[in-house]
Protein backbone atom coordinates (compact mmCIF):
# COMPACT_ATOMS: atom_id res chain seq x y z
CA MET A 1 74.99 90.44 112.21
CA SER A 2 77.77 91.06 114.68
CA ASP A 3 79.64 94.31 115.16
CA PRO A 4 83.17 93.94 113.75
CA THR A 5 84.52 96.42 116.32
CA GLN A 6 83.49 94.20 119.25
CA GLU A 7 85.75 91.56 120.70
CA PRO A 8 84.52 88.00 120.07
CA ALA A 9 82.67 86.26 122.87
CA ASP A 10 84.56 83.53 124.74
CA SER A 11 82.62 80.84 122.88
CA GLU A 12 83.35 82.43 119.49
CA GLN A 13 86.66 81.64 117.80
CA ILE A 14 88.09 83.56 114.88
CA SER A 15 90.30 81.74 112.43
CA GLU A 16 92.09 83.70 109.71
CA GLY A 17 93.78 82.24 106.71
CA LEU A 18 94.23 82.64 103.00
CA ARG A 19 92.31 81.36 100.05
CA VAL A 20 94.52 80.80 97.01
CA ALA A 21 93.16 80.04 93.56
CA VAL A 22 95.18 79.52 90.39
CA ASP A 23 93.43 79.83 87.05
CA LEU A 24 94.97 76.76 85.43
CA ASN A 25 93.55 77.76 82.04
CA ARG A 26 95.53 80.99 82.22
CA CYS A 27 98.68 79.49 83.80
CA GLN A 28 101.45 78.94 81.25
CA ALA A 29 103.82 77.07 83.62
CA TYR A 30 106.46 79.81 83.68
CA ALA A 31 107.06 78.70 87.30
CA GLN A 32 107.75 82.20 88.60
CA CYS A 33 105.47 81.43 91.56
CA CYS A 34 107.66 78.42 92.34
CA TYR A 35 110.75 80.61 92.45
CA ALA A 36 109.03 83.29 94.54
CA ALA A 37 107.44 80.90 97.05
CA PRO A 38 108.87 77.38 96.64
CA GLU A 39 107.35 76.21 99.92
CA HIS A 40 103.83 76.96 98.59
CA PHE A 41 103.98 76.31 94.83
CA VAL A 42 105.56 73.27 93.13
CA LEU A 43 105.70 72.50 89.44
CA GLN A 44 105.87 68.76 88.79
CA GLY A 45 106.65 67.63 85.31
CA ARG A 46 106.34 70.25 82.63
CA GLU A 47 102.93 71.66 83.49
CA ALA A 48 101.45 70.21 86.71
CA LEU A 49 101.26 72.98 89.30
CA PHE A 50 100.58 71.95 92.89
CA TYR A 51 99.71 74.48 95.59
CA HIS A 52 97.91 74.68 98.92
CA PRO A 53 94.49 76.33 98.40
CA ALA A 54 94.17 77.38 102.07
CA PRO A 55 97.56 78.22 103.59
CA PRO A 56 97.81 79.93 106.99
CA LEU A 57 97.84 83.70 107.23
CA SER A 58 101.53 83.54 108.15
CA ALA A 59 102.24 82.56 104.52
CA ARG A 60 100.74 85.78 103.17
CA ASP A 61 104.03 87.51 102.25
CA ALA A 62 105.35 84.51 100.32
CA VAL A 63 102.05 83.87 98.54
CA GLU A 64 101.75 87.56 97.61
CA ARG A 65 105.30 87.44 96.17
CA ALA A 66 104.21 84.51 94.04
CA ARG A 67 101.04 86.30 92.92
CA LEU A 68 103.01 89.36 91.89
CA ALA A 69 105.63 87.26 90.10
CA CYS A 70 103.09 85.52 87.85
CA PRO A 71 103.51 87.03 84.37
CA VAL A 72 99.97 86.06 83.32
CA GLN A 73 98.28 87.02 86.62
CA ALA A 74 96.81 83.54 87.13
CA ILE A 75 96.99 83.60 90.95
CA ARG A 76 94.26 85.08 93.15
CA VAL A 77 94.74 85.49 96.92
CA GLU A 78 92.10 86.41 99.49
CA VAL A 79 92.26 86.76 103.27
CA VAL A 80 89.38 84.90 104.87
CA THR A 81 88.02 85.11 108.38
CA ASP A 82 85.96 82.23 109.71
CA ARG A 83 83.88 82.92 112.80
CA SER A 84 82.81 79.73 114.51
CA ALA A 85 80.44 79.50 117.43
């Protein structure tokens, strides 16, 4: 296990991003996420929600706005760090 306080070795790359999951059983297609972050959430038709499950970390503010706007709390957002050798 590596020490998180140490800088990564030259051969080790750290990639950060987001993991977004929408509970489609809970989602009621109110589309508040689409209004809060239209570049990341799109409602097609009456109930088909499309979203990127792994947007870049730079999208965090917009995705968090969408998560907070969801009236049924169907959106989960996690920050992930991938260490590759």
